PDB file of all heavy atoms in Angstrom:
ATOM      1  N   ILE A   1     -10.612  13.042   9.757  1.00  0.00           N
ATOM      2  CA  ILE A   1     -10.308  11.938   8.841  1.00  0.00           C
ATOM      3  C   ILE A   1     -10.864  12.166   7.466  1.00  0.00           C
ATOM      4  O   ILE A   1     -10.225  11.870   6.420  1.00  0.00           O
ATOM      5  CB  ILE A   1     -10.895  10.598   9.456  1.00  0.00           C
ATOM      6  CG1 ILE A   1     -10.235  10.310  10.801  1.00  0.00           C
ATOM      7  CG2 ILE A   1     -10.757   9.449   8.563  1.00  0.00           C
ATOM      8  CD1 ILE A   1     -10.821   9.227  11.597  1.00  0.00           C
ATOM      9  N   LEU A   2     -12.135  12.547   7.378  1.00  0.00           N
ATOM     10  CA  LEU A   2     -12.727  12.734   6.016  1.00  0.00           C
ATOM     11  C   LEU A   2     -11.991  13.870   5.293  1.00  0.00           C
ATOM     12  O   LEU A   2     -11.979  13.847   4.029  1.00  0.00           O
ATOM     13  CB  LEU A   2     -14.243  13.139   6.271  1.00  0.00           C
ATOM     14  CG  LEU A   2     -15.055  12.157   6.924  1.00  0.00           C
ATOM     15  CD1 LEU A   2     -16.492  12.651   7.092  1.00  0.00           C
ATOM     16  CD2 LEU A   2     -15.111  10.814   6.105  1.00  0.00           C
ATOM     17  N   ALA A   3     -11.382  14.830   5.978  1.00  0.00           N
ATOM     18  CA  ALA A   3     -10.754  15.895   5.356  1.00  0.00           C
ATOM     19  C   ALA A   3      -9.244  15.513   5.081  1.00  0.00           C
ATOM     20  O   ALA A   3      -8.483  16.322   4.366  1.00  0.00           O
ATOM     21  CB  ALA A   3     -10.737  17.156   6.236  1.00  0.00           C
ATOM     22  N   GLY A   4      -8.828  14.341   5.487  1.00  0.00           N
ATOM     23  CA  GLY A   4      -7.492  13.893   5.283  1.00  0.00           C
ATOM     24  C   GLY A   4      -6.441  14.766   6.035  1.00  0.00           C
ATOM     25  O   GLY A   4      -5.290  14.905   5.613  1.00  0.00           O
ATOM     26  N   LYS A   5      -6.812  15.270   7.247  1.00  0.00           N
ATOM     27  CA  LYS A   5      -5.905  16.147   7.961  1.00  0.00           C
ATOM     28  C   LYS A   5      -4.843  15.282   8.722  1.00  0.00           C
ATOM     29  O   LYS A   5      -5.284  14.291   9.426  1.00  0.00           O
ATOM     30  CB  LYS A   5      -6.670  17.041   8.913  1.00  0.00           C
ATOM     31  CG  LYS A   5      -7.483  18.010   8.261  1.00  0.00           C
ATOM     32  CD  LYS A   5      -8.018  19.120   9.247  1.00  0.00           C
ATOM     33  CE  LYS A   5      -6.808  20.001   9.593  1.00  0.00           C
ATOM     34  NZ  LYS A   5      -7.207  21.283  10.308  1.00  0.00           N
ATOM     35  N   LYS A   6      -3.680  15.626   8.734  1.00  0.00           N
ATOM     36  CA  LYS A   6      -2.618  14.948   9.486  1.00  0.00           C
ATOM     37  C   LYS A   6      -2.681  15.480  10.885  1.00  0.00           C
ATOM     38  O   LYS A   6      -1.891  16.334  11.306  1.00  0.00           O
ATOM     39  CB  LYS A   6      -1.285  15.242   8.769  1.00  0.00           C
ATOM     40  CG  LYS A   6      -1.174  14.641   7.437  1.00  0.00           C
ATOM     41  CD  LYS A   6       0.256  14.954   6.879  1.00  0.00           C
ATOM     42  CE  LYS A   6       0.411  14.360   5.433  1.00  0.00           C
ATOM     43  NZ  LYS A   6      -0.451  15.147   4.492  1.00  0.00           N
ATOM     44  N   THR A   7      -3.496  14.845  11.756  1.00  0.00           N
ATOM     45  CA  THR A   7      -3.547  15.244  13.157  1.00  0.00           C
ATOM     46  C   THR A   7      -2.517  14.515  13.933  1.00  0.00           C
ATOM     47  O   THR A   7      -1.794  13.635  13.435  1.00  0.00           O
ATOM     48  CB  THR A   7      -4.908  14.788  13.734  1.00  0.00           C
ATOM     49  OG1 THR A   7      -5.171  13.405  13.621  1.00  0.00           O
ATOM     50  CG2 THR A   7      -6.076  15.521  12.925  1.00  0.00           C
ATOM     51  N   PHE A   8      -2.398  14.763  15.259  1.00  0.00           N
ATOM     52  CA  PHE A   8      -1.437  14.053  16.147  1.00  0.00           C
ATOM     53  C   PHE A   8      -1.821  12.615  16.190  1.00  0.00           C
ATOM     54  O   PHE A   8      -0.902  11.758  16.157  1.00  0.00           O
ATOM     55  CB  PHE A   8      -1.525  14.654  17.550  1.00  0.00           C
ATOM     56  CG  PHE A   8      -0.451  14.109  18.433  1.00  0.00           C
ATOM     57  CD1 PHE A   8       0.814  14.790  18.530  1.00  0.00           C
ATOM     58  CD2 PHE A   8      -0.646  13.010  19.231  1.00  0.00           C
ATOM     59  CE1 PHE A   8       1.783  14.275  19.314  1.00  0.00           C
ATOM     60  CE2 PHE A   8       0.377  12.525  20.015  1.00  0.00           C
ATOM     61  CZ  PHE A   8       1.597  13.071  20.102  1.00  0.00           C
ATOM     62  N   LEU A   9      -3.086  12.282  16.091  1.00  0.00           N
ATOM     63  CA  LEU A   9      -3.501  10.867  16.221  1.00  0.00           C
ATOM     64  C   LEU A   9      -2.975  10.102  14.958  1.00  0.00           C
ATOM     65  O   LEU A   9      -2.459   9.007  15.080  1.00  0.00           O
ATOM     66  CB  LEU A   9      -5.021  10.774  16.176  1.00  0.00           C
ATOM     67  CG  LEU A   9      -5.761  10.902  17.587  1.00  0.00           C
ATOM     68  CD1 LEU A   9      -5.739  12.474  17.861  1.00  0.00           C
ATOM     69  CD2 LEU A   9      -7.155  10.456  17.482  1.00  0.00           C
ATOM     70  N   TYR A  10      -3.077  10.723  13.818  1.00  0.00           N
ATOM     71  CA  TYR A  10      -2.708  10.052  12.579  1.00  0.00           C
ATOM     72  C   TYR A  10      -1.145   9.878  12.537  1.00  0.00           C
ATOM     73  O   TYR A  10      -0.614   8.833  12.291  1.00  0.00           O
ATOM     74  CB  TYR A  10      -3.148  10.916  11.407  1.00  0.00           C
ATOM     75  CG  TYR A  10      -2.640  10.376  10.031  1.00  0.00           C
ATOM     76  CD1 TYR A  10      -3.102   9.306   9.425  1.00  0.00           C
ATOM     77  CD2 TYR A  10      -1.570  11.081   9.373  1.00  0.00           C
ATOM     78  CE1 TYR A  10      -2.659   8.919   8.180  1.00  0.00           C
ATOM     79  CE2 TYR A  10      -1.061  10.688   8.134  1.00  0.00           C
ATOM     80  CZ  TYR A  10      -1.596   9.607   7.620  1.00  0.00           C
ATOM     81  OH  TYR A  10      -1.116   9.212   6.383  1.00  0.00           O
ATOM     82  N   LEU A  11      -0.442  10.984  12.975  1.00  0.00           N
ATOM     83  CA  LEU A  11       1.012  10.921  12.895  1.00  0.00           C
ATOM     84  C   LEU A  11       1.580   9.988  13.895  1.00  0.00           C
ATOM     85  O   LEU A  11       2.583   9.324  13.727  1.00  0.00           O
ATOM     86  CB  LEU A  11       1.556  12.308  13.047  1.00  0.00           C
ATOM     87  CG  LEU A  11       1.158  13.291  11.937  1.00  0.00           C
ATOM     88  CD1 LEU A  11       1.632  14.709  12.342  1.00  0.00           C
ATOM     89  CD2 LEU A  11       1.799  12.860  10.617  1.00  0.00           C
ATOM     90  N   LYS A  12       0.912   9.936  15.111  1.00  0.00           N
ATOM     91  CA  LYS A  12       1.361   8.975  16.125  1.00  0.00           C
ATOM     92  C   LYS A  12       1.086   7.572  15.744  1.00  0.00           C
ATOM     93  O   LYS A  12       1.983   6.652  16.018  1.00  0.00           O
ATOM     94  CB  LYS A  12       0.608   9.266  17.461  1.00  0.00           C
ATOM     95  CG  LYS A  12       1.200   8.559  18.676  1.00  0.00           C
ATOM     96  CD  LYS A  12       2.599   9.053  19.011  1.00  0.00           C
ATOM     97  CE  LYS A  12       3.150   8.433  20.185  1.00  0.00           C
ATOM     98  NZ  LYS A  12       4.547   8.835  20.505  1.00  0.00           N
ATOM     99  N   ALA A  13       0.036   7.356  15.059  1.00  0.00           N
ATOM    100  CA  ALA A  13      -0.259   6.016  14.624  1.00  0.00           C
ATOM    101  C   ALA A  13       0.756   5.508  13.620  1.00  0.00           C
ATOM    102  O   ALA A  13       1.228   4.363  13.684  1.00  0.00           O
ATOM    103  CB  ALA A  13      -1.668   5.907  13.850  1.00  0.00           C
ATOM    104  N   LEU A  14       1.153   6.349  12.665  1.00  0.00           N
ATOM    105  CA  LEU A  14       2.206   6.076  11.727  1.00  0.00           C
ATOM    106  C   LEU A  14       3.560   5.712  12.474  1.00  0.00           C
ATOM    107  O   LEU A  14       4.355   4.888  12.109  1.00  0.00           O
ATOM    108  CB  LEU A  14       2.470   7.147  10.702  1.00  0.00           C
ATOM    109  CG  LEU A  14       1.296   7.366   9.650  1.00  0.00           C
ATOM    110  CD1 LEU A  14       1.710   8.539   8.778  1.00  0.00           C
ATOM    111  CD2 LEU A  14       1.075   6.147   8.897  1.00  0.00           C
ATOM    112  N   GLU A  15       3.802   6.498  13.569  1.00  0.00           N
ATOM    113  CA  GLU A  15       5.083   6.303  14.309  1.00  0.00           C
ATOM    114  C   GLU A  15       5.106   4.933  14.962  1.00  0.00           C
ATOM    115  O   GLU A  15       6.165   4.272  14.944  1.00  0.00           O
ATOM    116  CB  GLU A  15       5.156   7.364  15.376  1.00  0.00           C
ATOM    117  CG  GLU A  15       6.514   7.267  16.143  1.00  0.00           C
ATOM    118  CD  GLU A  15       6.573   8.282  17.195  1.00  0.00           C
ATOM    119  OE1 GLU A  15       5.846   8.161  18.236  1.00  0.00           O
ATOM    120  OE2 GLU A  15       7.460   9.170  17.103  1.00  0.00           O
ATOM    121  N   VAL A  16       4.054   4.425  15.484  1.00  0.00           N
ATOM    122  CA  VAL A  16       4.011   3.145  16.280  1.00  0.00           C
ATOM    123  C   VAL A  16       3.539   1.962  15.388  1.00  0.00           C
ATOM    124  O   VAL A  16       3.716   0.847  15.872  1.00  0.00           O
ATOM    125  CB  VAL A  16       3.198   3.305  17.552  1.00  0.00           C
ATOM    126  CG1 VAL A  16       3.680   4.393  18.402  1.00  0.00           C
ATOM    127  CG2 VAL A  16       1.697   3.501  17.145  1.00  0.00           C
ATOM    128  N   ALA A  17       3.053   2.174  14.204  1.00  0.00           N
ATOM    129  CA  ALA A  17       2.494   1.035  13.426  1.00  0.00           C
ATOM    130  C   ALA A  17       3.608   0.324  12.724  1.00  0.00           C
ATOM    131  O   ALA A  17       4.706   0.836  12.490  1.00  0.00           O
ATOM    132  CB  ALA A  17       1.556   1.676  12.348  1.00  0.00           C
ATOM    133  N   SER A  18       3.291  -0.960  12.395  1.00  0.00           N
ATOM    134  CA  SER A  18       4.172  -1.721  11.558  1.00  0.00           C
ATOM    135  C   SER A  18       3.935  -1.249  10.167  1.00  0.00           C
ATOM    136  O   SER A  18       3.070  -0.438   9.827  1.00  0.00           O
ATOM    137  CB  SER A  18       3.735  -3.249  11.642  1.00  0.00           C
ATOM    138  OG  SER A  18       2.396  -3.377  11.055  1.00  0.00           O
ATOM    139  N   LYS A  19       4.805  -1.629   9.225  1.00  0.00           N
ATOM    140  CA  LYS A  19       4.649  -1.256   7.788  1.00  0.00           C
ATOM    141  C   LYS A  19       3.333  -1.628   7.313  1.00  0.00           C
ATOM    142  O   LYS A  19       2.754  -0.882   6.582  1.00  0.00           O
ATOM    143  CB  LYS A  19       5.809  -1.839   6.994  1.00  0.00           C
ATOM    144  CG  LYS A  19       5.781  -1.321   5.562  1.00  0.00           C
ATOM    145  CD  LYS A  19       6.920  -1.959   4.705  1.00  0.00           C
ATOM    146  CE  LYS A  19       6.925  -1.316   3.361  1.00  0.00           C
ATOM    147  NZ  LYS A  19       5.637  -1.302   2.589  1.00  0.00           N
ATOM    148  N   GLU A  20       2.914  -2.821   7.562  1.00  0.00           N
ATOM    149  CA  GLU A  20       1.533  -3.247   7.041  1.00  0.00           C
ATOM    150  C   GLU A  20       0.460  -2.366   7.631  1.00  0.00           C
ATOM    151  O   GLU A  20      -0.450  -1.969   6.875  1.00  0.00           O
ATOM    152  CB  GLU A  20       1.372  -4.717   7.458  1.00  0.00           C
ATOM    153  CG  GLU A  20      -0.029  -5.232   6.969  1.00  0.00           C
ATOM    154  CD  GLU A  20      -0.247  -6.694   7.361  1.00  0.00           C
ATOM    155  OE1 GLU A  20       0.643  -7.242   8.030  1.00  0.00           O
ATOM    156  OE2 GLU A  20      -1.351  -7.260   7.103  1.00  0.00           O
ATOM    157  N   GLU A  21       0.551  -2.102   8.932  1.00  0.00           N
ATOM    158  CA  GLU A  21      -0.500  -1.193   9.553  1.00  0.00           C
ATOM    159  C   GLU A  21      -0.458   0.184   8.952  1.00  0.00           C
ATOM    160  O   GLU A  21      -1.487   0.855   8.731  1.00  0.00           O
ATOM    161  CB  GLU A  21      -0.351  -1.260  11.057  1.00  0.00           C
ATOM    162  CG  GLU A  21      -0.672  -2.560  11.654  1.00  0.00           C
ATOM    163  CD  GLU A  21      -0.136  -2.702  13.177  1.00  0.00           C
ATOM    164  OE1 GLU A  21       0.814  -1.961  13.450  1.00  0.00           O
ATOM    165  OE2 GLU A  21      -0.662  -3.488  13.932  1.00  0.00           O
ATOM    166  N   ALA A  22       0.748   0.695   8.754  1.00  0.00           N
ATOM    167  CA  ALA A  22       0.860   2.075   8.192  1.00  0.00           C
ATOM    168  C   ALA A  22       0.347   2.127   6.844  1.00  0.00           C
ATOM    169  O   ALA A  22      -0.351   3.077   6.448  1.00  0.00           O
ATOM    170  CB  ALA A  22       2.409   2.476   8.288  1.00  0.00           C
ATOM    171  N   ASP A  23       0.607   1.093   5.993  1.00  0.00           N
ATOM    172  CA  ASP A  23       0.053   1.033   4.576  1.00  0.00           C
ATOM    173  C   ASP A  23      -1.460   0.986   4.738  1.00  0.00           C
ATOM    174  O   ASP A  23      -2.103   1.653   3.809  1.00  0.00           O
ATOM    175  CB  ASP A  23       0.616  -0.100   3.918  1.00  0.00           C
ATOM    176  CG  ASP A  23       2.049   0.005   3.510  1.00  0.00           C
ATOM    177  OD1 ASP A  23       2.548   1.148   3.617  1.00  0.00           O
ATOM    178  OD2 ASP A  23       2.720  -1.002   3.256  1.00  0.00           O
ATOM    179  N   GLN A  24      -2.024   0.233   5.640  1.00  0.00           N
ATOM    180  CA  GLN A  24      -3.468   0.229   5.676  1.00  0.00           C
ATOM    181  C   GLN A  24      -4.049   1.535   6.079  1.00  0.00           C
ATOM    182  O   GLN A  24      -5.122   2.002   5.484  1.00  0.00           O
ATOM    183  CB  GLN A  24      -3.916  -0.922   6.783  1.00  0.00           C
ATOM    184  CG  GLN A  24      -3.672  -2.275   6.336  1.00  0.00           C
ATOM    185  CD  GLN A  24      -4.009  -3.273   7.481  1.00  0.00           C
ATOM    186  OE1 GLN A  24      -4.452  -2.803   8.549  1.00  0.00           O
ATOM    187  NE2 GLN A  24      -3.832  -4.568   7.175  1.00  0.00           N
ATOM    188  N   LEU A  25      -3.413   2.199   7.065  1.00  0.00           N
ATOM    189  CA  LEU A  25      -3.931   3.516   7.506  1.00  0.00           C
ATOM    190  C   LEU A  25      -3.833   4.437   6.329  1.00  0.00           C
ATOM    191  O   LEU A  25      -4.853   5.257   6.198  1.00  0.00           O
ATOM    192  CB  LEU A  25      -3.067   3.969   8.600  1.00  0.00           C
ATOM    193  CG  LEU A  25      -3.390   5.330   9.295  1.00  0.00           C
ATOM    194  CD1 LEU A  25      -4.829   5.388   9.721  1.00  0.00           C
ATOM    195  CD2 LEU A  25      -2.428   5.678  10.419  1.00  0.00           C
ATOM    196  N   LYS A  26      -2.743   4.589   5.613  1.00  0.00           N
ATOM    197  CA  LYS A  26      -2.688   5.529   4.522  1.00  0.00           C
ATOM    198  C   LYS A  26      -3.753   5.256   3.428  1.00  0.00           C
ATOM    199  O   LYS A  26      -4.297   6.112   2.859  1.00  0.00           O
ATOM    200  CB  LYS A  26      -1.266   5.446   3.940  1.00  0.00           C
ATOM    201  CG  LYS A  26      -0.212   6.037   4.779  1.00  0.00           C
ATOM    202  CD  LYS A  26       1.213   5.846   4.180  1.00  0.00           C
ATOM    203  CE  LYS A  26       2.328   6.360   5.114  1.00  0.00           C
ATOM    204  NZ  LYS A  26       3.609   6.082   4.518  1.00  0.00           N
ATOM    205  N   HIS A  27      -3.953   3.884   3.218  1.00  0.00           N
ATOM    206  CA  HIS A  27      -4.979   3.525   2.264  1.00  0.00           C
ATOM    207  C   HIS A  27      -6.344   4.056   2.584  1.00  0.00           C
ATOM    208  O   HIS A  27      -6.969   4.649   1.819  1.00  0.00           O
ATOM    209  CB  HIS A  27      -5.013   2.042   2.098  1.00  0.00           C
ATOM    210  CG  HIS A  27      -6.247   1.453   1.405  1.00  0.00           C
ATOM    211  ND1 HIS A  27      -6.346   1.566   0.048  1.00  0.00           N
ATOM    212  CD2 HIS A  27      -7.392   0.945   1.914  1.00  0.00           C
ATOM    213  CE1 HIS A  27      -7.552   1.093  -0.265  1.00  0.00           C
ATOM    214  NE2 HIS A  27      -8.184   0.707   0.840  1.00  0.00           N
ATOM    215  N   TRP A  28      -6.745   3.770   3.835  1.00  0.00           N
ATOM    216  CA  TRP A  28      -8.010   4.257   4.328  1.00  0.00           C
ATOM    217  C   TRP A  28      -8.112   5.809   4.376  1.00  0.00           C
ATOM    218  O   TRP A  28      -9.138   6.403   4.074  1.00  0.00           O
ATOM    219  CB  TRP A  28      -8.440   3.596   5.590  1.00  0.00           C
ATOM    220  CG  TRP A  28      -8.891   2.192   5.469  1.00  0.00           C
ATOM    221  CD1 TRP A  28      -8.239   1.059   5.922  1.00  0.00           C
ATOM    222  CD2 TRP A  28     -10.092   1.762   4.830  1.00  0.00           C
ATOM    223  NE1 TRP A  28      -8.948  -0.075   5.580  1.00  0.00           N
ATOM    224  CE2 TRP A  28     -10.109   0.308   4.915  1.00  0.00           C
ATOM    225  CE3 TRP A  28     -11.129   2.352   4.276  1.00  0.00           C
ATOM    226  CZ2 TRP A  28     -11.086  -0.481   4.459  1.00  0.00           C
ATOM    227  CZ3 TRP A  28     -12.247   1.564   3.819  1.00  0.00           C
ATOM    228  CH2 TRP A  28     -12.155   0.268   3.854  1.00  0.00           C
ATOM    229  N   TYR A  29      -7.043   6.424   4.820  1.00  0.00           N
ATOM    230  CA  TYR A  29      -7.075   7.844   5.108  1.00  0.00           C
ATOM    231  C   TYR A  29      -7.325   8.676   3.813  1.00  0.00           C
ATOM    232  O   TYR A  29      -7.929   9.701   3.822  1.00  0.00           O
ATOM    233  CB  TYR A  29      -5.789   8.280   5.757  1.00  0.00           C
ATOM    234  CG  TYR A  29      -5.916   9.283   6.859  1.00  0.00           C
ATOM    235  CD1 TYR A  29      -6.513   8.945   8.088  1.00  0.00           C
ATOM    236  CD2 TYR A  29      -5.589  10.650   6.695  1.00  0.00           C
ATOM    237  CE1 TYR A  29      -6.616   9.903   9.091  1.00  0.00           C
ATOM    238  CE2 TYR A  29      -5.758  11.570   7.671  1.00  0.00           C
ATOM    239  CZ  TYR A  29      -6.293  11.191   8.909  1.00  0.00           C
ATOM    240  OH  TYR A  29      -6.475  12.140   9.904  1.00  0.00           O
ATOM    241  N   TYR A  30      -6.742   8.097   2.712  1.00  0.00           N
ATOM    242  CA  TYR A  30      -6.849   8.906   1.489  1.00  0.00           C
ATOM    243  C   TYR A  30      -7.680   8.108   0.411  1.00  0.00           C
ATOM    244  O   TYR A  30      -7.566   8.423  -0.744  1.00  0.00           O
ATOM    245  CB  TYR A  30      -5.368   9.144   0.951  1.00  0.00           C
ATOM    246  CG  TYR A  30      -4.667  10.077   1.865  1.00  0.00           C
ATOM    247  CD1 TYR A  30      -3.646   9.560   2.603  1.00  0.00           C
ATOM    248  CD2 TYR A  30      -5.050  11.412   2.109  1.00  0.00           C
ATOM    249  CE1 TYR A  30      -2.975  10.386   3.515  1.00  0.00           C
ATOM    250  CE2 TYR A  30      -4.337  12.268   2.902  1.00  0.00           C
ATOM    251  CZ  TYR A  30      -3.256  11.753   3.659  1.00  0.00           C
ATOM    252  OH  TYR A  30      -2.647  12.489   4.593  1.00  0.00           O
ATOM    253  N   ASN A  31      -8.493   7.187   0.822  1.00  0.00           N
ATOM    254  CA  ASN A  31      -9.379   6.423  -0.015  1.00  0.00           C
ATOM    255  C   ASN A  31     -10.622   7.253  -0.355  1.00  0.00           C
ATOM    256  O   ASN A  31     -11.434   7.483   0.580  1.00  0.00           O
ATOM    257  CB  ASN A  31      -9.732   5.089   0.557  1.00  0.00           C
ATOM    258  CG  ASN A  31     -10.506   4.223  -0.248  1.00  0.00           C
ATOM    259  OD1 ASN A  31     -11.051   4.620  -1.307  1.00  0.00           O
ATOM    260  ND2 ASN A  31     -10.675   2.904   0.138  1.00  0.00           N
ATOM    261  N   GLU A  32     -10.814   7.676  -1.594  1.00  0.00           N
ATOM    262  CA  GLU A  32     -12.001   8.442  -1.890  1.00  0.00           C
ATOM    263  C   GLU A  32     -13.164   7.596  -2.387  1.00  0.00           C
ATOM    264  O   GLU A  32     -14.143   8.203  -2.822  1.00  0.00           O
ATOM    265  CB  GLU A  32     -11.583   9.465  -2.944  1.00  0.00           C
ATOM    266  CG  GLU A  32     -10.458  10.493  -2.444  1.00  0.00           C
ATOM    267  CD  GLU A  32     -10.133  11.513  -3.497  1.00  0.00           C
ATOM    268  OE1 GLU A  32     -10.639  11.378  -4.661  1.00  0.00           O
ATOM    269  OE2 GLU A  32      -9.316  12.410  -3.212  1.00  0.00           O
ATOM    270  N   GLN A  33     -12.900   6.352  -2.444  1.00  0.00           N
ATOM    271  CA  GLN A  33     -13.950   5.368  -3.017  1.00  0.00           C
ATOM    272  C   GLN A  33     -14.895   4.914  -1.934  1.00  0.00           C
ATOM    273  O   GLN A  33     -16.122   4.627  -2.196  1.00  0.00           O
ATOM    274  CB  GLN A  33     -13.353   4.226  -3.707  1.00  0.00           C
ATOM    275  CG  GLN A  33     -12.277   4.569  -4.770  1.00  0.00           C
ATOM    276  CD  GLN A  33     -12.923   5.514  -5.905  1.00  0.00           C
ATOM    277  OE1 GLN A  33     -13.986   5.312  -6.344  1.00  0.00           O
ATOM    278  NE2 GLN A  33     -12.015   6.533  -6.229  1.00  0.00           N
ATOM    279  N   SER A  34     -14.564   4.880  -0.709  1.00  0.00           N
ATOM    280  CA  SER A  34     -15.272   4.327   0.365  1.00  0.00           C
ATOM    281  C   SER A  34     -16.224   5.413   0.930  1.00  0.00           C
ATOM    282  O   SER A  34     -15.930   6.582   0.719  1.00  0.00           O
ATOM    283  CB  SER A  34     -14.456   3.738   1.521  1.00  0.00           C
ATOM    284  OG  SER A  34     -13.539   4.773   1.970  1.00  0.00           O
ATOM    285  N   SER A  35     -17.267   4.913   1.567  1.00  0.00           N
ATOM    286  CA  SER A  35     -18.275   5.866   2.189  1.00  0.00           C
ATOM    287  C   SER A  35     -17.547   6.495   3.428  1.00  0.00           C
ATOM    288  O   SER A  35     -16.617   6.076   3.999  1.00  0.00           O
ATOM    289  CB  SER A  35     -19.504   5.162   2.633  1.00  0.00           C
ATOM    290  OG  SER A  35     -19.231   4.265   3.710  1.00  0.00           O
ATOM    291  N   ALA A  36     -18.196   7.621   3.877  1.00  0.00           N
ATOM    292  CA  ALA A  36     -17.671   8.377   5.045  1.00  0.00           C
ATOM    293  C   ALA A  36     -17.660   7.490   6.290  1.00  0.00           C
ATOM    294  O   ALA A  36     -16.588   7.431   6.982  1.00  0.00           O
ATOM    295  CB  ALA A  36     -18.477   9.632   5.275  1.00  0.00           C
ATOM    296  N   ASP A  37     -18.728   6.741   6.513  1.00  0.00           N
ATOM    297  CA  ASP A  37     -18.846   5.970   7.761  1.00  0.00           C
ATOM    298  C   ASP A  37     -17.854   4.835   7.637  1.00  0.00           C
ATOM    299  O   ASP A  37     -17.221   4.484   8.663  1.00  0.00           O
ATOM    300  CB  ASP A  37     -20.271   5.335   7.904  1.00  0.00           C
ATOM    301  CG  ASP A  37     -21.267   6.431   8.274  1.00  0.00           C
ATOM    302  OD1 ASP A  37     -20.833   7.468   8.744  1.00  0.00           O
ATOM    303  OD2 ASP A  37     -22.484   6.201   8.153  1.00  0.00           O
TER     304      ASP A  37
END
């Protein structure tokens, strides 16, 4: 997650997520402002 790797978990989440959930996931996955934890 910290490396922004597109793993099976990430891609599967995008497949089953709603548009709102997918947008949230992408936001957090590539957010460089938040802490690692």
